[in-house]
Amino acid sequence: MALTPNFTTTQTPGAPEDINFEDLSTGTDGAVTKRRIYVQTSNGDFLVASGNSNQYSDWPNFPTDTTITISDILVKDVGARVVVQWLDVSNNILYDKTRYFGFTCFNEDFDYETTQNVAGNQLLMNDNNFWFNKSLLRTYIDSGDNAIERASDINAAQQCYNLATELHTDSQYLFNANS
């Protein structure tokens, strides 16, 4: 049976700078020996780990290694076009698959932190604009995710993620956790 290429990505709460990849391919092709991962942002930049001079990250040992984590690839939430290529020993591309993802763990971690703040200090519910700002944060994250899920629109997603990041960056003024 021929190879049907597929993959997915995740992030781990508390480690928002990393992306985990899992190869979900079915079938077989003895000619495939490795993969390449391209993570491209809405402005056309390719994200790779520090010290990597390529536009891609290597994912060796097909089919043995079905997972890989690319560490320290993100510095903020990003909407991205991700391409995985399945290659033979001579680096010929035999298969490829493109998917679109929102990597939102930075702001998701922060959103949960605001939830913990409320749980630890019920008076925050009365603070001026706390719930308004928390609702905006959630709306921006969800709207970015929606742009990707409905239309693979990483440009609109990135604009939403940037607005959420601004709330996160300005949190000392917007989320009075000291009340």
Protein backbone atom coordinates (compact mmCIF):
# COMPACT_ATOMS: atom_id res chain seq x y z
CA MET A 1 0.00 0.00 0.00
CA ALA A 2 1.36 3.45 -0.93
CA LEU A 3 2.15 6.03 1.69
CA THR A 4 -0.59 8.52 2.58
CA PRO A 5 1.28 11.40 4.22
CA ASN A 6 -0.18 13.17 7.22
CA PHE A 7 1.00 14.95 10.36
CA THR A 8 -0.18 17.08 13.21
CA THR A 9 1.33 19.55 15.65
CA THR A 10 0.84 20.41 19.30
CA GLN A 11 2.35 22.64 21.91
CA THR A 12 2.92 21.79 25.55
CA PRO A 13 1.48 24.15 28.17
CA GLY A 14 4.37 25.86 29.91
CA ALA A 15 6.70 25.39 26.91
CA PRO A 16 5.20 27.79 24.34
CA GLU A 17 8.45 28.22 22.42
CA ASP A 18 8.44 24.58 21.26
CA ILE A 19 6.40 22.80 18.58
CA ASN A 20 5.76 19.05 18.75
CA PHE A 21 5.22 17.18 15.49
CA GLU A 22 3.69 13.75 15.01
CA ASP A 23 3.76 11.79 11.76
CA LEU A 24 0.31 10.28 11.22
CA SER A 25 1.07 8.78 7.81
CA THR A 26 -0.48 5.48 6.84
CA GLY A 27 0.75 2.89 4.38
CA THR A 28 4.35 2.28 3.42
CA ASP A 29 6.97 3.36 0.95
CA GLY A 30 10.41 1.82 1.40
CA ALA A 31 12.02 4.66 -0.54
CA VAL A 32 11.19 7.27 2.13
CA THR A 33 14.02 7.72 4.64
CA LYS A 34 13.45 11.15 6.22
CA ARG A 35 11.30 14.27 6.35
CA ARG A 36 11.70 18.05 6.30
CA ILE A 37 9.52 20.53 8.15
CA TYR A 38 8.91 24.07 6.90
CA VAL A 39 7.17 26.49 9.28
CA GLN A 40 6.33 29.72 7.45
CA THR A 41 4.74 32.77 9.10
CA SER A 42 2.24 35.14 7.51
CA ASN A 43 5.04 37.56 6.59
CA GLY A 44 6.96 34.81 4.76
CA ASP A 45 9.64 34.11 7.37
CA PHE A 46 10.67 30.52 7.99
CA LEU A 47 11.02 29.51 11.62
CA VAL A 48 13.83 27.17 12.60
CA ALA A 49 15.77 26.48 15.79
CA SER A 50 18.70 28.73 16.58
CA GLY A 51 21.83 27.78 14.66
CA ASN A 52 19.93 26.22 11.75
CA SER A 53 20.85 28.02 8.52
CA ASN A 54 18.20 26.21 6.42
CA GLN A 55 14.59 27.28 5.90
CA TYR A 56 13.52 23.88 7.20
CA SER A 57 14.09 21.52 10.11
CA ASP A 58 15.23 17.96 9.50
CA TRP A 59 13.09 15.09 10.75
CA PRO A 60 15.22 11.96 10.29
CA ASN A 61 14.65 8.23 10.71
CA PHE A 62 11.46 7.54 8.79
CA PRO A 63 9.44 5.51 9.69
CA THR A 64 10.99 4.78 13.10
CA ASP A 65 10.78 8.26 14.67
CA THR A 66 7.15 9.31 14.49
CA THR A 67 7.53 12.35 16.76
CA ILE A 68 9.92 15.27 17.00
CA THR A 69 10.00 18.50 19.00
CA ILE A 70 11.58 21.61 17.54
CA SER A 71 12.71 23.60 20.55
CA ASP A 72 12.92 27.37 20.89
CA ILE A 73 11.32 28.03 17.51
CA LEU A 74 8.67 30.54 18.69
CA VAL A 75 8.91 33.83 20.58
CA LYS A 76 5.19 34.70 20.43
CA ASP A 77 1.92 33.31 19.13
CA VAL A 78 2.04 32.64 15.40
CA GLY A 79 -0.28 31.60 12.62
CA ALA A 80 1.75 29.44 10.26
CA ARG A 81 1.72 27.43 7.07
CA VAL A 82 3.47 24.13 7.82
CA VAL A 83 4.77 21.86 5.08
CA VAL A 84 6.23 18.43 5.73
CA GLN A 85 8.07 16.70 2.92
CA TRP A 86 8.88 12.98 2.82
CA LEU A 87 12.24 12.41 1.08
CA ASP A 88 14.33 9.56 -0.24
CA VAL A 89 18.02 9.02 0.47
CA SER A 90 18.97 11.47 -2.33
CA ASN A 91 16.70 14.23 -0.93
CA ASN A 92 14.13 13.84 -3.68
CA ILE A 93 10.67 14.88 -2.52
CA LEU A 94 8.37 11.88 -2.78
CA TYR A 95 5.39 13.27 -0.85
CA ASP A 96 4.40 16.49 0.83
CA LYS A 97 1.54 17.76 2.95
CA THR A 98 0.60 21.35 3.81
CA ARG A 99 -1.47 22.31 6.85
CA TYR A 100 -2.19 25.57 8.67
CA PHE A 101 -1.87 25.97 12.43
CA GLY A 102 -2.23 28.58 15.13
CA PHE A 103 0.50 28.22 17.71
CA THR A 104 -1.11 30.05 20.63
CA CYS A 105 0.47 28.58 23.73
CA PHE A 106 2.01 31.89 24.89
CA ASN A 107 -1.39 33.57 25.18
CA GLU A 108 -3.20 30.38 26.24
CA ASP A 109 -0.77 30.05 29.15
CA PHE A 110 -1.38 33.70 30.03
CA ASP A 111 -5.16 33.28 29.80
CA TYR A 112 -4.95 30.40 32.26
CA GLU A 113 -2.79 32.54 34.54
CA THR A 114 -5.57 35.16 34.63
CA THR A 115 -8.03 32.38 35.50
CA GLN A 116 -5.79 31.32 38.39
CA ASN A 117 -5.65 34.95 39.54
CA VAL A 118 -9.44 35.10 39.68
CA ALA A 119 -9.62 31.79 41.54
CA GLY A 120 -7.13 33.11 44.10
CA ASN A 121 -8.71 36.55 44.41
CA GLN A 122 -12.47 36.75 43.83
CA LEU A 123 -12.36 40.56 44.11
CA LEU A 124 -10.74 40.72 40.67
CA MET A 125 -14.22 40.23 39.23
CA ASN A 126 -15.05 43.72 40.51
CA ASP A 127 -11.89 45.33 39.14
CA ASN A 128 -12.42 47.87 36.39
CA ASN A 129 -12.01 46.23 33.00
CA PHE A 130 -10.55 42.91 34.24
CA TRP A 131 -13.36 40.81 32.70
CA PHE A 132 -13.55 43.04 29.66
CA ASN A 133 -9.83 42.57 29.00
CA LYS A 134 -9.97 38.83 29.76
CA SER A 135 -12.88 38.53 27.32
CA LEU A 136 -10.92 40.45 24.68
CA LEU A 137 -7.92 38.15 25.17
CA ARG A 138 -10.09 35.05 24.71
CA THR A 139 -11.86 36.59 21.72
CA TYR A 140 -8.60 37.45 19.95
CA ILE A 141 -7.18 33.96 20.47
CA ASP A 142 -10.39 32.26 19.35
CA SER A 143 -10.83 34.59 16.37
CA GLY A 144 -7.32 33.81 15.17
CA ASP A 145 -7.96 30.09 15.54
CA ASN A 146 -11.26 30.50 13.67
CA ALA A 147 -9.51 32.26 10.75
CA ILE A 148 -7.18 29.29 10.39
CA GLU A 149 -9.80 26.58 10.89
CA ARG A 150 -12.33 28.11 8.47
CA ALA A 151 -10.11 29.58 5.77
CA SER A 152 -6.43 28.74 6.44
CA ASP A 153 -6.07 32.51 6.79
CA ILE A 154 -2.81 32.96 8.68
CA ASN A 155 -2.77 36.71 7.90
CA ALA A 156 -6.04 37.41 9.75
CA ALA A 157 -5.04 34.93 12.45
CA GLN A 158 -1.74 36.72 13.01
CA GLN A 159 -3.49 40.07 13.39
CA CYS A 160 -5.72 38.56 16.09
CA TYR A 161 -2.80 36.85 17.82
CA ASN A 162 -0.87 40.14 17.80
CA LEU A 163 -3.78 41.89 19.53
CA ALA A 164 -3.88 39.14 22.17
CA THR A 165 -0.12 39.49 22.61
CA GLU A 166 -0.52 43.25 23.17
CA LEU A 167 -2.96 42.51 26.01
CA HIS A 168 -0.47 40.03 27.44
CA THR A 169 2.45 42.46 27.10
CA ASP A 170 0.46 45.28 28.75
CA SER A 171 -1.00 42.98 31.42
CA GLN A 172 0.40 44.95 34.35
CA TYR A 173 -1.90 47.79 33.34
CA LEU A 174 -4.88 45.74 32.17
CA PHE A 175 -5.10 42.85 34.65
CA ASN A 176 -4.75 44.15 38.17
CA ALA A 177 -3.67 40.94 39.90
CA ASN A 178 -2.71 42.90 43.01
CA SER A 179 -6.28 43.88 43.95
